Amino acid sequence: MFAEIKDNYSLGGYRKVAITSFRRVENKNLIYSDREYELTLANGTIIKNVLKKEEWELLESNSIKVIL
C-alpha cells in the first residue's frame, strides 16, 4: 500500500511512499463511514489522515490480523 505525498519536485506534483504500518484513531467528530488513521511511512514520517470508506476498505483489505 502506498500514500501519495505532495512533492513539488516530482513529476505530477506527488510521489508515492510505502505505508509500513497503520492504526485506527478514535474520532467521534467524523462523518459516518469516514475513519481516521495514523500512518507510518517508509521515509519515517508519521501522519494522521481521514480516509473515506473506499480508501480504508482498501487499506484494511491488504492486511492480516495477527494476535500475539
PDB file of N, CA and C in Angstrom:
ATOM      1  N   MET A   1       0.851  -1.159   0.000  1.00  0.00           N
ATOM      2  CA  MET A   1       0.000   0.000   0.000  1.00  0.00           C
ATOM      3  C   MET A   1       0.904   1.232   0.000  1.00  0.00           C
ATOM      4  N   PHE A   2       0.499   2.248  -0.735  1.00  0.00           N
ATOM      5  CA  PHE A   2       1.289   3.466  -0.856  1.00  0.00           C
ATOM      6  C   PHE A   2       0.450   4.696  -0.537  1.00  0.00           C
ATOM      7  N   ALA A   3       1.116   5.740  -0.078  1.00  0.00           N
ATOM      8  CA  ALA A   3       0.488   7.046   0.127  1.00  0.00           C
ATOM      9  C   ALA A   3       1.067   7.995  -0.912  1.00  0.00           C
ATOM     10  N   GLU A   4       0.226   8.822  -1.506  1.00  0.00           N
ATOM     11  CA  GLU A   4       0.709   9.849  -2.429  1.00  0.00           C
ATOM     12  C   GLU A   4       0.931  11.126  -1.635  1.00  0.00           C
ATOM     13  N   ILE A   5       2.176  11.598  -1.613  1.00  0.00           N
ATOM     14  CA  ILE A   5       2.576  12.754  -0.828  1.00  0.00           C
ATOM     15  C   ILE A   5       2.856  13.921  -1.771  1.00  0.00           C
ATOM     16  N   LYS A   6       2.326  15.100  -1.429  1.00  0.00           N
ATOM     17  CA  LYS A   6       2.567  16.293  -2.250  1.00  0.00           C
ATOM     18  C   LYS A   6       4.056  16.569  -2.278  1.00  0.00           C
ATOM     19  N   ASP A   7       4.593  16.735  -3.472  1.00  0.00           N
ATOM     20  CA  ASP A   7       6.024  16.961  -3.660  1.00  0.00           C
ATOM     21  C   ASP A   7       6.202  17.798  -4.918  1.00  0.00           C
ATOM     22  N   ASN A   8       6.566  19.049  -4.752  1.00  0.00           N
ATOM     23  CA  ASN A   8       6.690  19.967  -5.886  1.00  0.00           C
ATOM     24  C   ASN A   8       7.838  19.612  -6.821  1.00  0.00           C
ATOM     25  N   TYR A   9       8.743  18.750  -6.386  1.00  0.00           N
ATOM     26  CA  TYR A   9       9.888  18.384  -7.213  1.00  0.00           C
ATOM     27  C   TYR A   9       9.637  17.147  -8.070  1.00  0.00           C
ATOM     28  N   SER A  10       8.557  16.436  -7.821  1.00  0.00           N
ATOM     29  CA  SER A  10       8.249  15.219  -8.570  1.00  0.00           C
ATOM     30  C   SER A  10       7.344  15.520  -9.751  1.00  0.00           C
ATOM     31  N   LEU A  11       7.449  14.716 -10.771  1.00  0.00           N
ATOM     32  CA  LEU A  11       6.585  14.837 -11.933  1.00  0.00           C
ATOM     33  C   LEU A  11       5.142  14.621 -11.500  1.00  0.00           C
ATOM     34  N   GLY A  12       4.270  15.544 -11.815  1.00  0.00           N
ATOM     35  CA  GLY A  12       2.873  15.447 -11.415  1.00  0.00           C
ATOM     36  C   GLY A  12       2.590  16.041 -10.047  1.00  0.00           C
ATOM     37  N   GLY A  13       3.628  16.440  -9.322  1.00  0.00           N
ATOM     38  CA  GLY A  13       3.450  17.089  -8.033  1.00  0.00           C
ATOM     39  C   GLY A  13       3.268  16.165  -6.845  1.00  0.00           C
ATOM     40  N   TYR A  14       3.314  14.850  -7.074  1.00  0.00           N
ATOM     41  CA  TYR A  14       3.157  13.880  -5.982  1.00  0.00           C
ATOM     42  C   TYR A  14       4.190  12.773  -6.134  1.00  0.00           C
ATOM     43  N   ARG A  15       4.540  12.155  -5.009  1.00  0.00           N
ATOM     44  CA  ARG A  15       5.387  10.959  -5.054  1.00  0.00           C
ATOM     45  C   ARG A  15       4.749   9.904  -4.178  1.00  0.00           C
ATOM     46  N   LYS A  16       5.005   8.666  -4.475  1.00  0.00           N
ATOM     47  CA  LYS A  16       4.425   7.561  -3.713  1.00  0.00           C
ATOM     48  C   LYS A  16       5.430   7.076  -2.679  1.00  0.00           C
ATOM     49  N   VAL A  17       4.934   6.919  -1.443  1.00  0.00           N
ATOM     50  CA  VAL A  17       5.753   6.429  -0.340  1.00  0.00           C
ATOM     51  C   VAL A  17       5.012   5.246   0.281  1.00  0.00           C
ATOM     52  N   ALA A  18       5.721   4.160   0.535  1.00  0.00           N
ATOM     53  CA  ALA A  18       5.099   2.962   1.104  1.00  0.00           C
ATOM     54  C   ALA A  18       4.605   3.219   2.527  1.00  0.00           C
ATOM     55  N   ILE A  19       3.424   2.673   2.835  1.00  0.00           N
ATOM     56  CA  ILE A  19       2.889   2.700   4.192  1.00  0.00           C
ATOM     57  C   ILE A  19       3.400   1.442   4.883  1.00  0.00           C
ATOM     58  N   THR A  20       4.190   1.623   5.942  1.00  0.00           N
ATOM     59  CA  THR A  20       4.767   0.469   6.629  1.00  0.00           C
ATOM     60  C   THR A  20       3.891  -0.027   7.773  1.00  0.00           C
ATOM     61  N   SER A  21       3.084   0.859   8.348  1.00  0.00           N
ATOM     62  CA  SER A  21       2.131   0.442   9.376  1.00  0.00           C
ATOM     63  C   SER A  21       1.019   1.476   9.493  1.00  0.00           C
ATOM     64  N   PHE A  22      -0.094   1.031  10.069  1.00  0.00           N
ATOM     65  CA  PHE A  22      -1.210   1.953  10.287  1.00  0.00           C
ATOM     66  C   PHE A  22      -1.998   1.514  11.502  1.00  0.00           C
ATOM     67  N   ARG A  23      -2.678   2.474  12.115  1.00  0.00           N
ATOM     68  CA  ARG A  23      -3.591   2.156  13.209  1.00  0.00           C
ATOM     69  C   ARG A  23      -4.749   3.131  13.162  1.00  0.00           C
ATOM     70  N   ARG A  24      -5.910   2.630  13.499  1.00  0.00           N
ATOM     71  CA  ARG A  24      -7.110   3.459  13.501  1.00  0.00           C
ATOM     72  C   ARG A  24      -7.113   4.334  14.749  1.00  0.00           C
ATOM     73  N   VAL A  25      -7.492   5.602  14.563  1.00  0.00           N
ATOM     74  CA  VAL A  25      -7.568   6.569  15.653  1.00  0.00           C
ATOM     75  C   VAL A  25      -9.036   6.875  15.909  1.00  0.00           C
ATOM     76  N   GLU A  26      -9.454   6.821  17.171  1.00  0.00           N
ATOM     77  CA  GLU A  26     -10.841   7.123  17.526  1.00  0.00           C
ATOM     78  C   GLU A  26     -11.105   8.611  17.307  1.00  0.00           C
ATOM     79  N   ASN A  27     -12.135   8.916  16.520  1.00  0.00           N
ATOM     80  CA  ASN A  27     -12.527  10.301  16.262  1.00  0.00           C
ATOM     81  C   ASN A  27     -14.040  10.333  16.077  1.00  0.00           C
ATOM     82  N   LYS A  28     -14.746  10.810  17.086  1.00  0.00           N
ATOM     83  CA  LYS A  28     -16.212  10.808  17.053  1.00  0.00           C
ATOM     84  C   LYS A  28     -16.786  11.986  16.279  1.00  0.00           C
ATOM     85  N   ASN A  29     -15.942  12.875  15.771  1.00  0.00           N
ATOM     86  CA  ASN A  29     -16.412  14.049  15.039  1.00  0.00           C
ATOM     87  C   ASN A  29     -16.469  13.835  13.532  1.00  0.00           C
ATOM     88  N   LEU A  30     -16.229  12.609  13.088  1.00  0.00           N
ATOM     89  CA  LEU A  30     -16.199  12.336  11.651  1.00  0.00           C
ATOM     90  C   LEU A  30     -17.580  12.015  11.111  1.00  0.00           C
ATOM     91  N   ILE A  31     -17.738  12.240   9.824  1.00  0.00           N
ATOM     92  CA  ILE A  31     -18.957  11.868   9.116  1.00  0.00           C
ATOM     93  C   ILE A  31     -19.033  10.342   9.079  1.00  0.00           C
ATOM     94  N   TYR A  32     -20.249   9.803   9.113  1.00  0.00           N
ATOM     95  CA  TYR A  32     -20.464   8.360   9.072  1.00  0.00           C
ATOM     96  C   TYR A  32     -19.677   7.738   7.930  1.00  0.00           C
ATOM     97  N   SER A  33     -19.009   6.676   8.190  1.00  0.00           N
ATOM     98  CA  SER A  33     -18.208   5.849   7.279  1.00  0.00           C
ATOM     99  C   SER A  33     -16.787   6.369   7.068  1.00  0.00           C
ATOM    100  N   ASP A  34     -16.477   7.601   7.466  1.00  0.00           N
ATOM    101  CA  ASP A  34     -15.093   8.068   7.414  1.00  0.00           C
ATOM    102  C   ASP A  34     -14.357   7.550   8.649  1.00  0.00           C
ATOM    103  N   ARG A  35     -13.054   7.306   8.518  1.00  0.00           N
ATOM    104  CA  ARG A  35     -12.231   6.855   9.639  1.00  0.00           C
ATOM    105  C   ARG A  35     -10.906   7.597   9.612  1.00  0.00           C
ATOM    106  N   GLU A  36     -10.378   7.850  10.799  1.00  0.00           N
ATOM    107  CA  GLU A  36      -9.069   8.491  10.896  1.00  0.00           C
ATOM    108  C   GLU A  36      -8.022   7.427  11.212  1.00  0.00           C
ATOM    109  N   TYR A  37      -6.880   7.520  10.538  1.00  0.00           N
ATOM    110  CA  TYR A  37      -5.783   6.577  10.730  1.00  0.00           C
ATOM    111  C   TYR A  37      -4.484   7.327  10.960  1.00  0.00           C
ATOM    112  N   GLU A  38      -3.610   6.718  11.745  1.00  0.00           N
ATOM    113  CA  GLU A  38      -2.240   7.184  11.865  1.00  0.00           C
ATOM    114  C   GLU A  38      -1.410   6.270  10.972  1.00  0.00           C
ATOM    115  N   LEU A  39      -0.746   6.856   9.997  1.00  0.00           N
ATOM    116  CA  LEU A  39       0.030   6.096   9.019  1.00  0.00           C
ATOM    117  C   LEU A  39       1.515   6.322   9.254  1.00  0.00           C
ATOM    118  N   THR A  40       2.283   5.250   9.292  1.00  0.00           N
ATOM    119  CA  THR A  40       3.737   5.345   9.350  1.00  0.00           C
ATOM    120  C   THR A  40       4.256   5.024   7.956  1.00  0.00           C
ATOM    121  N   LEU A  41       5.025   5.959   7.397  1.00  0.00           N
ATOM    122  CA  LEU A  41       5.524   5.808   6.034  1.00  0.00           C
ATOM    123  C   LEU A  41       6.964   5.313   6.033  1.00  0.00           C
ATOM    124  N   ALA A  42       7.388   4.768   4.912  1.00  0.00           N
ATOM    125  CA  ALA A  42       8.729   4.192   4.783  1.00  0.00           C
ATOM    126  C   ALA A  42       9.831   5.230   4.986  1.00  0.00           C
ATOM    127  N   ASN A  43       9.526   6.506   4.758  1.00  0.00           N
ATOM    128  CA  ASN A  43      10.540   7.543   4.953  1.00  0.00           C
ATOM    129  C   ASN A  43      10.603   8.021   6.403  1.00  0.00           C
ATOM    130  N   GLY A  44       9.853   7.360   7.318  1.00  0.00           N
ATOM    131  CA  GLY A  44       9.878   7.695   8.734  1.00  0.00           C
ATOM    132  C   GLY A  44       8.822   8.698   9.170  1.00  0.00           C
ATOM    133  N   THR A  45       8.092   9.251   8.234  1.00  0.00           N
ATOM    134  CA  THR A  45       7.050  10.220   8.542  1.00  0.00           C
ATOM    135  C   THR A  45       5.835   9.522   9.144  1.00  0.00           C
ATOM    136  N   ILE A  46       5.261  10.122  10.170  1.00  0.00           N
ATOM    137  CA  ILE A  46       4.015   9.632  10.762  1.00  0.00           C
ATOM    138  C   ILE A  46       2.970  10.717  10.562  1.00  0.00           C
ATOM    139  N   ILE A  47       1.854  10.348   9.912  1.00  0.00           N
ATOM    140  CA  ILE A  47       0.803  11.321   9.635  1.00  0.00           C
ATOM    141  C   ILE A  47      -0.542  10.776  10.087  1.00  0.00           C
ATOM    142  N   LYS A  48      -1.442  11.685  10.423  1.00  0.00           N
ATOM    143  CA  LYS A  48      -2.832  11.310  10.672  1.00  0.00           C
ATOM    144  C   LYS A  48      -3.625  11.764   9.465  1.00  0.00           C
ATOM    145  N   ASN A  49      -4.503  10.883   8.997  1.00  0.00           N
ATOM    146  CA  ASN A  49      -5.271  11.191   7.798  1.00  0.00           C
ATOM    147  C   ASN A  49      -6.664  10.585   7.907  1.00  0.00           C
ATOM    148  N   VAL A  50      -7.665  11.339   7.454  1.00  0.00           N
ATOM    149  CA  VAL A  50      -9.038  10.842   7.419  1.00  0.00           C
ATOM    150  C   VAL A  50      -9.259  10.166   6.072  1.00  0.00           C
ATOM    151  N   LEU A  51      -9.714   8.914   6.107  1.00  0.00           N
ATOM    152  CA  LEU A  51      -9.948   8.156   4.884  1.00  0.00           C
ATOM    153  C   LEU A  51     -11.438   7.943   4.673  1.00  0.00           C
ATOM    154  N   LYS A  52     -11.857   8.058   3.434  1.00  0.00           N
ATOM    155  CA  LYS A  52     -13.230   7.734   3.047  1.00  0.00           C
ATOM    156  C   LYS A  52     -13.377   6.212   3.064  1.00  0.00           C
ATOM    157  N   LYS A  53     -14.618   5.736   3.051  1.00  0.00           N
ATOM    158  CA  LYS A  53     -14.886   4.301   3.166  1.00  0.00           C
ATOM    159  C   LYS A  53     -14.131   3.487   2.118  1.00  0.00           C
ATOM    160  N   GLU A  54     -14.134   3.938   0.868  1.00  0.00           N
ATOM    161  CA  GLU A  54     -13.452   3.190  -0.200  1.00  0.00           C
ATOM    162  C   GLU A  54     -11.956   3.085   0.079  1.00  0.00           C
ATOM    163  N   GLU A  55     -11.367   4.137   0.668  1.00  0.00           N
ATOM    164  CA  GLU A  55      -9.932   4.153   0.942  1.00  0.00           C
ATOM    165  C   GLU A  55      -9.575   3.240   2.113  1.00  0.00           C
ATOM    166  N   TRP A  56     -10.328   3.337   3.235  1.00  0.00           N
ATOM    167  CA  TRP A  56      -9.961   2.494   4.375  1.00  0.00           C
ATOM    168  C   TRP A  56     -10.278   1.031   4.138  1.00  0.00           C
ATOM    169  N   GLU A  57     -11.300   0.743   3.319  1.00  0.00           N
ATOM    170  CA  GLU A  57     -11.565  -0.659   2.976  1.00  0.00           C
ATOM    171  C   GLU A  57     -10.397  -1.242   2.188  1.00  0.00           C
ATOM    172  N   LEU A  58      -9.838  -0.459   1.281  1.00  0.00           N
ATOM    173  CA  LEU A  58      -8.674  -0.899   0.507  1.00  0.00           C
ATOM    174  C   LEU A  58      -7.467  -1.091   1.424  1.00  0.00           C
ATOM    175  N   LEU A  59      -7.239  -0.145   2.314  1.00  0.00           N
ATOM    176  CA  LEU A  59      -6.123  -0.231   3.259  1.00  0.00           C
ATOM    177  C   LEU A  59      -6.236  -1.484   4.122  1.00  0.00           C
ATOM    178  N   GLU A  60      -7.405  -1.720   4.689  1.00  0.00           N
ATOM    179  CA  GLU A  60      -7.584  -2.863   5.585  1.00  0.00           C
ATOM    180  C   GLU A  60      -7.662  -4.199   4.850  1.00  0.00           C
ATOM    181  N   SER A  61      -8.070  -4.196   3.593  1.00  0.00           N
ATOM    182  CA  SER A  61      -8.150  -5.458   2.850  1.00  0.00           C
ATOM    183  C   SER A  61      -6.772  -5.988   2.470  1.00  0.00           C
ATOM    184  N   ASN A  62      -5.763  -5.126   2.520  1.00  0.00           N
ATOM    185  CA  ASN A  62      -4.405  -5.524   2.172  1.00  0.00           C
ATOM    186  C   ASN A  62      -3.573  -5.869   3.402  1.00  0.00           C
ATOM    187  N   SER A  63      -4.231  -6.249   4.491  1.00  0.00           N
ATOM    188  CA  SER A  63      -3.504  -6.609   5.704  1.00  0.00           C
ATOM    189  C   SER A  63      -4.175  -7.813   6.366  1.00  0.00           C
ATOM    190  N   ILE A  64      -3.426  -8.438   7.250  1.00  0.00           N
ATOM    191  CA  ILE A  64      -3.982  -9.555   8.009  1.00  0.00           C
ATOM    192  C   ILE A  64      -3.881  -9.230   9.497  1.00  0.00           C
ATOM    193  N   LYS A  65      -4.723  -9.849  10.291  1.00  0.00           N
ATOM    194  CA  LYS A  65      -4.702  -9.631  11.734  1.00  0.00           C
ATOM    195  C   LYS A  65      -3.902 -10.751  12.378  1.00  0.00           C
ATOM    196  N   VAL A  66      -2.932 -10.370  13.203  1.00  0.00           N
ATOM    197  CA  VAL A  66      -2.115 -11.329  13.942  1.00  0.00           C
ATOM    198  C   VAL A  66      -2.273 -11.014  15.422  1.00  0.00           C
ATOM    199  N   ILE A  67      -2.663 -11.993  16.213  1.00  0.00           N
ATOM    200  CA  ILE A  67      -2.835 -11.792  17.651  1.00  0.00           C
ATOM    201  C   ILE A  67      -1.661 -12.444  18.363  1.00  0.00           C
ATOM    202  N   LEU A  68      -0.946 -11.645  19.123  1.00  0.00           N
ATOM    203  CA  LEU A  68       0.241 -12.146  19.840  1.00  0.00           C
ATOM    204  C   LEU A  68      -0.100 -12.550  21.246  1.00  0.00           C
TER     205      LEU A  68
END
